[in-house]
Amino acid sequence: MKNQVLDQLHAHQSIRSFTDQPVTDEEIEAIFSAALAGPNMQNFQPVTFIEITDQDLKRKVTEKVHMKYIENATRYFVVAVDWHKVLLNQDPETQAVIEERLSHYQYLEGGIVSASIALGRAQVAAESLGIGSVTMAGAMGAFELYEQKLNLPKYVKPIMGFSLGYPDKKPGVKPKLPLAGSVMVDRYDDQQMEQAITDYDQTMAEYFKGRDIDSTWTQHNASLFKKIQANPGLSQYPKDKGLNIN
């Protein structure tokens, strides 16, 4: 089955190199109005996108997380779970009730899910306009800078970075796991998953070969987990924002 939307979704590429062509405010409005029209937790709409226009701050974030496609992005946004907005315009008694509820994990999870849905929709909306993008969980390594510079209230926690711009270079479509590696029926099937990964390792070995890399998906994952160090500050950060991860 094929149509224009399905074709666009299958053609996704993460863009990390951008031209000098501006992304207009009108295009930004179109992207985010479509993104935020999607489903979210109980219509609380606990999502806020914060654009960083200060090029010096973008440079500092880039230096912190080693992602040039932040500094060089035409437009760069921090995607935040935002429960602060539901406290506004409430009386003190109601605020106290809401804050007690927000201390429970389900609200952090619901905010992250809501933000993730909005971010995915923003990416699709951008691509429909010919604008490239890349999403970055690693951009959270600069959370101290966001706290210092973005005037973030309690209950507002950034979770991702989002760079936008017209593509300069396209890396090509990266193969994904076969559906058997992500869709199951009635139960989790380890044998099905292992076979899907075995098949996918062959696909990715060919893909990596075209990029002069000798690896499979399994080997690549192992090398990343061995290389990337955990950041204890990021584990504490949700608690500091009043959001419970226990």
C-alpha atoms as a PDB file:
ATOM      1  CA  MET A   1       0.000   0.000   0.000  1.00  0.00           C
ATOM      2  CA  LYS A   2       1.370   3.419  -0.969  1.00  0.00           C
ATOM      3  CA  ASN A   3       0.368   7.068  -0.898  1.00  0.00           C
ATOM      4  CA  GLN A   4       2.162  10.407  -0.643  1.00  0.00           C
ATOM      5  CA  VAL A   5       2.213  10.458   3.165  1.00  0.00           C
ATOM      6  CA  LEU A   6       3.494   6.879   3.433  1.00  0.00           C
ATOM      7  CA  ASP A   7       6.170   7.581   0.826  1.00  0.00           C
ATOM      8  CA  GLN A   8       7.315  10.649   2.785  1.00  0.00           C
ATOM      9  CA  LEU A   9       7.490   8.706   6.051  1.00  0.00           C
ATOM     10  CA  HIS A  10       9.548   5.929   4.462  1.00  0.00           C
ATOM     11  CA  ALA A  11      11.910   8.482   2.901  1.00  0.00           C
ATOM     12  CA  HIS A  12      12.930  10.058   6.228  1.00  0.00           C
ATOM     13  CA  GLN A  13      16.564  11.122   6.590  1.00  0.00           C
ATOM     14  CA  SER A  14      18.139  12.877   9.574  1.00  0.00           C
ATOM     15  CA  ILE A  15      19.729  16.041   8.195  1.00  0.00           C
ATOM     16  CA  ARG A  16      22.881  17.300   9.904  1.00  0.00           C
ATOM     17  CA  SER A  17      24.128  19.765   7.278  1.00  0.00           C
ATOM     18  CA  PHE A  18      22.124  22.820   6.256  1.00  0.00           C
ATOM     19  CA  THR A  19      22.205  25.471   3.520  1.00  0.00           C
ATOM     20  CA  ASP A  20      22.006  29.212   4.112  1.00  0.00           C
ATOM     21  CA  GLN A  21      18.383  29.313   2.955  1.00  0.00           C
ATOM     22  CA  PRO A  22      16.292  30.740   5.801  1.00  0.00           C
ATOM     23  CA  VAL A  23      13.429  28.881   7.433  1.00  0.00           C
ATOM     24  CA  THR A  24      10.750  31.553   7.705  1.00  0.00           C
ATOM     25  CA  ASP A  25       8.528  32.327  10.666  1.00  0.00           C
ATOM     26  CA  GLU A  26       5.556  31.346   8.502  1.00  0.00           C
ATOM     27  CA  GLU A  27       7.106  27.908   7.950  1.00  0.00           C
ATOM     28  CA  ILE A  28       7.838  27.565  11.675  1.00  0.00           C
ATOM     29  CA  GLU A  29       4.215  28.411  12.459  1.00  0.00           C
ATOM     30  CA  ALA A  30       3.004  25.805   9.970  1.00  0.00           C
ATOM     31  CA  ILE A  31       5.326  23.141  11.418  1.00  0.00           C
ATOM     32  CA  PHE A  32       4.446  23.659  15.059  1.00  0.00           C
ATOM     33  CA  SER A  33       0.729  24.226  14.579  1.00  0.00           C
ATOM     34  CA  ALA A  34       0.623  20.812  12.876  1.00  0.00           C
ATOM     35  CA  ALA A  35       2.881  19.273  15.528  1.00  0.00           C
ATOM     36  CA  LEU A  36       0.788  20.478  18.452  1.00  0.00           C
ATOM     37  CA  ALA A  37      -2.518  19.493  16.847  1.00  0.00           C
ATOM     38  CA  GLY A  38      -1.759  15.871  17.743  1.00  0.00           C
ATOM     39  CA  PRO A  39      -2.785  13.774  20.740  1.00  0.00           C
ATOM     40  CA  ASN A  40      -1.368  14.396  24.194  1.00  0.00           C
ATOM     41  CA  MET A  41      -2.068  13.393  27.799  1.00  0.00           C
ATOM     42  CA  GLN A  42      -5.649  14.378  28.740  1.00  0.00           C
ATOM     43  CA  ASN A  43      -5.339  17.506  26.573  1.00  0.00           C
ATOM     44  CA  PHE A  44      -3.042  18.993  29.237  1.00  0.00           C
ATOM     45  CA  GLN A  45      -0.767  19.851  26.265  1.00  0.00           C
ATOM     46  CA  PRO A  46       2.379  19.554  28.451  1.00  0.00           C
ATOM     47  CA  VAL A  47       4.817  20.413  25.675  1.00  0.00           C
ATOM     48  CA  THR A  48       6.768  23.575  24.874  1.00  0.00           C
ATOM     49  CA  PHE A  49       9.320  24.214  22.114  1.00  0.00           C
ATOM     50  CA  ILE A  50      11.895  26.897  23.008  1.00  0.00           C
ATOM     51  CA  GLU A  51      13.958  28.323  20.159  1.00  0.00           C
ATOM     52  CA  ILE A  52      17.535  29.376  20.884  1.00  0.00           C
ATOM     53  CA  THR A  53      18.438  32.297  18.617  1.00  0.00           C
ATOM     54  CA  ASP A  54      21.563  33.344  20.529  1.00  0.00           C
ATOM     55  CA  GLN A  55      24.333  32.022  18.303  1.00  0.00           C
ATOM     56  CA  ASP A  56      26.845  32.183  21.141  1.00  0.00           C
ATOM     57  CA  LEU A  57      24.625  29.957  23.286  1.00  0.00           C
ATOM     58  CA  LYS A  58      24.190  27.530  20.392  1.00  0.00           C
ATOM     59  CA  ARG A  59      27.973  27.428  20.113  1.00  0.00           C
ATOM     60  CA  LYS A  60      28.346  26.688  23.810  1.00  0.00           C
ATOM     61  CA  VAL A  61      25.762  23.903  23.614  1.00  0.00           C
ATOM     62  CA  THR A  62      27.635  22.467  20.627  1.00  0.00           C
ATOM     63  CA  GLU A  63      30.920  22.570  22.517  1.00  0.00           C
ATOM     64  CA  LYS A  64      29.273  20.736  25.407  1.00  0.00           C
ATOM     65  CA  VAL A  65      27.634  17.937  23.416  1.00  0.00           C
ATOM     66  CA  HIS A  66      29.887  17.876  20.304  1.00  0.00           C
ATOM     67  CA  MET A  67      27.043  18.219  17.795  1.00  0.00           C
ATOM     68  CA  LYS A  68      27.856  20.801  15.110  1.00  0.00           C
ATOM     69  CA  TYR A  69      24.333  20.542  13.724  1.00  0.00           C
ATOM     70  CA  ILE A  70      23.172  22.558  16.720  1.00  0.00           C
ATOM     71  CA  GLU A  71      25.463  25.533  16.138  1.00  0.00           C
ATOM     72  CA  ASN A  72      25.059  25.311  12.365  1.00  0.00           C
ATOM     73  CA  ALA A  73      21.296  24.739  12.313  1.00  0.00           C
ATOM     74  CA  THR A  74      19.164  27.405  10.681  1.00  0.00           C
ATOM     75  CA  ARG A  75      16.691  27.137  13.581  1.00  0.00           C
ATOM     76  CA  TYR A  76      17.360  25.219  16.810  1.00  0.00           C
ATOM     77  CA  PHE A  77      14.747  24.304  19.419  1.00  0.00           C
ATOM     78  CA  VAL A  78      14.795  22.716  22.843  1.00  0.00           C
ATOM     79  CA  VAL A  79      11.808  20.408  23.300  1.00  0.00           C
ATOM     80  CA  ALA A  80      10.498  20.463  26.860  1.00  0.00           C
ATOM     81  CA  VAL A  81       7.976  18.634  28.993  1.00  0.00           C
ATOM     82  CA  ASP A  82       6.013  21.524  30.483  1.00  0.00           C
ATOM     83  CA  TRP A  83       3.761  20.979  33.492  1.00  0.00           C
ATOM     84  CA  HIS A  84       4.260  24.565  34.695  1.00  0.00           C
ATOM     85  CA  LYS A  85       1.565  25.780  32.306  1.00  0.00           C
ATOM     86  CA  VAL A  86      -1.196  23.803  34.084  1.00  0.00           C
ATOM     87  CA  LEU A  87      -0.438  25.660  37.334  1.00  0.00           C
ATOM     88  CA  LEU A  88      -0.968  29.101  35.852  1.00  0.00           C
ATOM     89  CA  ASN A  89      -4.253  30.900  36.582  1.00  0.00           C
ATOM     90  CA  GLN A  90      -5.172  28.352  39.280  1.00  0.00           C
ATOM     91  CA  ASP A  91      -6.021  29.308  42.856  1.00  0.00           C
ATOM     92  CA  PRO A  92      -3.469  28.342  45.559  1.00  0.00           C
ATOM     93  CA  GLU A  93      -5.498  25.377  46.826  1.00  0.00           C
ATOM     94  CA  THR A  94      -5.786  23.889  43.352  1.00  0.00           C
ATOM     95  CA  GLN A  95      -2.108  24.548  42.673  1.00  0.00           C
ATOM     96  CA  ALA A  96      -1.232  22.513  45.767  1.00  0.00           C
ATOM     97  CA  VAL A  97      -3.362  19.593  44.537  1.00  0.00           C
ATOM     98  CA  ILE A  98      -1.770  19.722  41.081  1.00  0.00           C
ATOM     99  CA  GLU A  99       1.762  19.870  42.502  1.00  0.00           C
ATOM    100  CA  GLU A 100       1.064  16.793  44.644  1.00  0.00           C
ATOM    101  CA  ARG A 101      -0.109  14.928  41.548  1.00  0.00           C
ATOM    102  CA  LEU A 102       2.923  16.061  39.554  1.00  0.00           C
ATOM    103  CA  SER A 103       5.199  14.397  42.105  1.00  0.00           C
ATOM    104  CA  HIS A 104       4.125  11.018  40.690  1.00  0.00           C
ATOM    105  CA  TYR A 105       5.975   9.343  37.832  1.00  0.00           C
ATOM    106  CA  GLN A 106       2.967   9.009  35.519  1.00  0.00           C
ATOM    107  CA  TYR A 107       3.089  12.748  34.796  1.00  0.00           C
ATOM    108  CA  LEU A 108       6.725  12.702  33.780  1.00  0.00           C
ATOM    109  CA  GLU A 109       6.039   9.745  31.521  1.00  0.00           C
ATOM    110  CA  GLY A 110       2.888  11.325  30.112  1.00  0.00           C
ATOM    111  CA  GLY A 111       4.778  14.529  29.395  1.00  0.00           C
ATOM    112  CA  ILE A 112       7.593  12.693  27.631  1.00  0.00           C
ATOM    113  CA  VAL A 113       5.140  10.708  25.508  1.00  0.00           C
ATOM    114  CA  SER A 114       3.218  13.886  24.631  1.00  0.00           C
ATOM    115  CA  ALA A 115       6.432  15.724  23.711  1.00  0.00           C
ATOM    116  CA  SER A 116       7.646  12.782  21.646  1.00  0.00           C
ATOM    117  CA  ILE A 117       4.413  12.676  19.651  1.00  0.00           C
ATOM    118  CA  ALA A 118       4.639  16.429  18.993  1.00  0.00           C
ATOM    119  CA  LEU A 119       8.282  16.155  17.977  1.00  0.00           C
ATOM    120  CA  GLY A 120       7.588  13.334  15.528  1.00  0.00           C
ATOM    121  CA  ARG A 121       4.757  15.306  13.975  1.00  0.00           C
ATOM    122  CA  ALA A 122       6.977  18.405  13.740  1.00  0.00           C
ATOM    123  CA  GLN A 123       9.574  16.412  11.849  1.00  0.00           C
ATOM    124  CA  VAL A 124       7.011  15.073   9.369  1.00  0.00           C
ATOM    125  CA  ALA A 125       5.506  18.548   8.915  1.00  0.00           C
ATOM    126  CA  ALA A 126       8.955  20.021   8.234  1.00  0.00           C
ATOM    127  CA  GLU A 127       9.793  17.335   5.692  1.00  0.00           C
ATOM    128  CA  SER A 128       6.500  17.973   3.891  1.00  0.00           C
ATOM    129  CA  LEU A 129       7.787  21.524   3.286  1.00  0.00           C
ATOM    130  CA  GLY A 130      11.184  20.324   2.066  1.00  0.00           C
ATOM    131  CA  ILE A 131      12.867  21.308   5.346  1.00  0.00           C
ATOM    132  CA  GLY A 132      15.297  18.873   6.931  1.00  0.00           C
ATOM    133  CA  SER A 133      15.644  18.139  10.622  1.00  0.00           C
ATOM    134  CA  VAL A 134      17.425  16.052  13.205  1.00  0.00           C
ATOM    135  CA  THR A 135      16.297  15.131  16.718  1.00  0.00           C
ATOM    136  CA  MET A 136      18.903  14.773  19.467  1.00  0.00           C
ATOM    137  CA  ALA A 137      18.523  13.156  22.864  1.00  0.00           C
ATOM    138  CA  GLY A 138      22.246  13.832  23.268  1.00  0.00           C
ATOM    139  CA  ALA A 139      21.553  17.559  23.280  1.00  0.00           C
ATOM    140  CA  MET A 140      20.406  17.085  26.877  1.00  0.00           C
ATOM    141  CA  GLY A 141      24.059  16.825  27.885  1.00  0.00           C
ATOM    142  CA  ALA A 142      23.923  20.632  28.000  1.00  0.00           C
ATOM    143  CA  PHE A 143      21.051  20.760  30.481  1.00  0.00           C
ATOM    144  CA  GLU A 144      22.996  23.033  32.854  1.00  0.00           C
ATOM    145  CA  LEU A 145      23.247  25.637  30.080  1.00  0.00           C
ATOM    146  CA  TYR A 146      19.511  25.425  29.432  1.00  0.00           C
ATOM    147  CA  GLU A 147      18.852  25.959  33.126  1.00  0.00           C
ATOM    148  CA  GLN A 148      21.172  28.966  33.220  1.00  0.00           C
ATOM    149  CA  LYS A 149      19.967  30.673  30.061  1.00  0.00           C
ATOM    150  CA  LEU A 150      16.363  29.699  29.274  1.00  0.00           C
ATOM    151  CA  ASN A 151      14.557  30.849  32.429  1.00  0.00           C
ATOM    152  CA  LEU A 152      13.000  27.405  32.937  1.00  0.00           C
ATOM    153  CA  PRO A 153      10.434  27.212  35.772  1.00  0.00           C
ATOM    154  CA  LYS A 154       9.954  24.217  38.013  1.00  0.00           C
ATOM    155  CA  TYR A 155       8.168  21.382  36.194  1.00  0.00           C
ATOM    156  CA  VAL A 156       9.635  22.408  32.816  1.00  0.00           C
ATOM    157  CA  LYS A 157      12.223  19.838  31.764  1.00  0.00           C
ATOM    158  CA  PRO A 158      13.915  19.763  28.343  1.00  0.00           C
ATOM    159  CA  ILE A 159      14.130  16.286  26.844  1.00  0.00           C
ATOM    160  CA  MET A 160      15.405  16.717  23.263  1.00  0.00           C
ATOM    161  CA  GLY A 161      17.076  19.038  20.804  1.00  0.00           C
ATOM    162  CA  PHE A 162      15.532  19.737  17.398  1.00  0.00           C
ATOM    163  CA  SER A 163      17.481  21.321  14.522  1.00  0.00           C
ATOM    164  CA  LEU A 164      15.776  22.588  11.375  1.00  0.00           C
ATOM    165  CA  GLY A 165      17.081  23.833   8.035  1.00  0.00           C
ATOM    166  CA  TYR A 166      17.088  23.235   4.317  1.00  0.00           C
ATOM    167  CA  PRO A 167      19.272  20.194   3.575  1.00  0.00           C
ATOM    168  CA  ASP A 168      22.779  20.738   2.291  1.00  0.00           C
ATOM    169  CA  LYS A 169      23.725  17.056   2.261  1.00  0.00           C
ATOM    170  CA  LYS A 170      21.432  14.056   2.469  1.00  0.00           C
ATOM    171  CA  PRO A 171      22.935  10.932   4.039  1.00  0.00           C
ATOM    172  CA  GLY A 172      20.476   8.531   2.445  1.00  0.00           C
ATOM    173  CA  VAL A 173      17.714   6.454   3.983  1.00  0.00           C
ATOM    174  CA  LYS A 174      18.984   4.223   6.787  1.00  0.00           C
ATOM    175  CA  PRO A 175      17.441   0.723   6.804  1.00  0.00           C
ATOM    176  CA  LYS A 176      15.341  -0.146   9.837  1.00  0.00           C
ATOM    177  CA  LEU A 177      14.563  -3.438  11.521  1.00  0.00           C
ATOM    178  CA  PRO A 178      12.073  -5.614   9.663  1.00  0.00           C
ATOM    179  CA  LEU A 179       8.593  -5.350  11.146  1.00  0.00           C
ATOM    180  CA  ALA A 180       9.128  -8.672  12.921  1.00  0.00           C
ATOM    181  CA  GLY A 181      11.666  -6.852  15.074  1.00  0.00           C
ATOM    182  CA  SER A 182       9.148  -4.273  16.285  1.00  0.00           C
ATOM    183  CA  VAL A 183       5.635  -5.707  15.867  1.00  0.00           C
ATOM    184  CA  MET A 184       4.409  -8.821  17.689  1.00  0.00           C
ATOM    185  CA  VAL A 185       1.073 -10.522  18.356  1.00  0.00           C
ATOM    186  CA  ASP A 186      -0.286 -11.532  21.762  1.00  0.00           C
ATOM    187  CA  ARG A 187       3.114 -11.904  23.451  1.00  0.00           C
ATOM    188  CA  TYR A 188       6.778 -10.978  23.298  1.00  0.00           C
ATOM    189  CA  ASP A 189       8.541 -13.613  21.186  1.00  0.00           C
ATOM    190  CA  ASP A 190      12.310 -13.845  21.761  1.00  0.00           C
ATOM    191  CA  GLN A 191      12.831 -16.262  18.881  1.00  0.00           C
ATOM    192  CA  GLN A 192      11.052 -13.920  16.490  1.00  0.00           C
ATOM    193  CA  MET A 193      13.163 -11.020  17.739  1.00  0.00           C
ATOM    194  CA  GLU A 194      16.445 -12.917  17.475  1.00  0.00           C
ATOM    195  CA  GLN A 195      15.677 -13.941  13.887  1.00  0.00           C
ATOM    196  CA  ALA A 196      14.685 -10.392  12.961  1.00  0.00           C
ATOM    197  CA  ILE A 197      17.959  -9.078  14.394  1.00  0.00           C
ATOM    198  CA  THR A 198      19.962 -11.746  12.559  1.00  0.00           C
ATOM    199  CA  ASP A 199      18.336 -10.735   9.278  1.00  0.00           C
ATOM    200  CA  TYR A 200      18.802  -7.039  10.039  1.00  0.00           C
ATOM    201  CA  ASP A 201      22.481  -7.506  10.878  1.00  0.00           C
ATOM    202  CA  GLN A 202      23.010  -8.699   7.295  1.00  0.00           C
ATOM    203  CA  THR A 203      21.136  -5.677   5.935  1.00  0.00           C
ATOM    204  CA  MET A 204      23.128  -3.266   8.082  1.00  0.00           C
ATOM    205  CA  ALA A 205      26.442  -4.941   7.236  1.00  0.00           C
ATOM    206  CA  GLU A 206      25.773  -4.049   3.602  1.00  0.00           C
ATOM    207  CA  TYR A 207      24.666  -0.534   4.537  1.00  0.00           C
ATOM    208  CA  PHE A 208      27.775   0.076   6.661  1.00  0.00           C
ATOM    209  CA  LYS A 209      29.972  -1.394   3.936  1.00  0.00           C
ATOM    210  CA  GLY A 210      28.790   1.380   1.622  1.00  0.00           C
ATOM    211  CA  ARG A 211      30.087   3.846   4.217  1.00  0.00           C
ATOM    212  CA  ASP A 212      33.421   2.019   4.601  1.00  0.00           C
ATOM    213  CA  ILE A 213      32.449   0.682   8.030  1.00  0.00           C
ATOM    214  CA  ASP A 214      32.964  -2.959   8.969  1.00  0.00           C
ATOM    215  CA  SER A 215      30.115  -3.596  11.390  1.00  0.00           C
ATOM    216  CA  THR A 216      26.620  -4.941  11.964  1.00  0.00           C
ATOM    217  CA  TRP A 217      23.767  -3.414  13.947  1.00  0.00           C
ATOM    218  CA  THR A 218      24.540  -5.660  16.918  1.00  0.00           C
ATOM    219  CA  GLN A 219      28.240  -4.776  16.849  1.00  0.00           C
ATOM    220  CA  HIS A 220      27.504  -1.074  16.396  1.00  0.00           C
ATOM    221  CA  ASN A 221      25.175  -1.083  19.411  1.00  0.00           C
ATOM    222  CA  ALA A 222      27.805  -2.820  21.540  1.00  0.00           C
ATOM    223  CA  SER A 223      30.457  -0.255  20.606  1.00  0.00           C
ATOM    224  CA  LEU A 224      28.126   2.652  21.418  1.00  0.00           C
ATOM    225  CA  PHE A 225      27.180   1.298  24.843  1.00  0.00           C
ATOM    226  CA  LYS A 226      30.854   0.742  25.655  1.00  0.00           C
ATOM    227  CA  LYS A 227      31.836   4.224  24.473  1.00  0.00           C
ATOM    228  CA  ILE A 228      29.043   6.410  25.829  1.00  0.00           C
ATOM    229  CA  GLN A 229      29.355   7.226  29.522  1.00  0.00           C
ATOM    230  CA  ALA A 230      26.268   7.681  31.681  1.00  0.00           C
ATOM    231  CA  ASN A 231      25.644  11.182  33.016  1.00  0.00           C
ATOM    232  CA  PRO A 232      24.533  10.960  36.688  1.00  0.00           C
ATOM    233  CA  GLY A 233      23.391  14.576  36.529  1.00  0.00           C
ATOM    234  CA  LEU A 234      20.741  13.662  33.979  1.00  0.00           C
ATOM    235  CA  SER A 235      19.329  11.039  36.353  1.00  0.00           C
ATOM    236  CA  GLN A 236      18.988  13.603  39.128  1.00  0.00           C
ATOM    237  CA  TYR A 237      17.716  16.375  36.847  1.00  0.00           C
ATOM    238  CA  PRO A 238      14.006  15.334  36.703  1.00  0.00           C
ATOM    239  CA  LYS A 239      13.873  15.269  40.511  1.00  0.00           C
ATOM    240  CA  ASP A 240      15.402  18.744  40.621  1.00  0.00           C
ATOM    241  CA  LYS A 241      12.570  19.911  38.356  1.00  0.00           C
ATOM    242  CA  GLY A 242       9.940  18.457  40.698  1.00  0.00           C
ATOM    243  CA  LEU A 243       9.237  15.395  38.534  1.00  0.00           C
ATOM    244  CA  ASN A 244       9.511  11.951  40.113  1.00  0.00           C
ATOM    245  CA  ILE A 245      11.362   9.123  38.334  1.00  0.00           C
ATOM    246  CA  ASN A 246      10.906   6.555  41.137  1.00  0.00           C
END
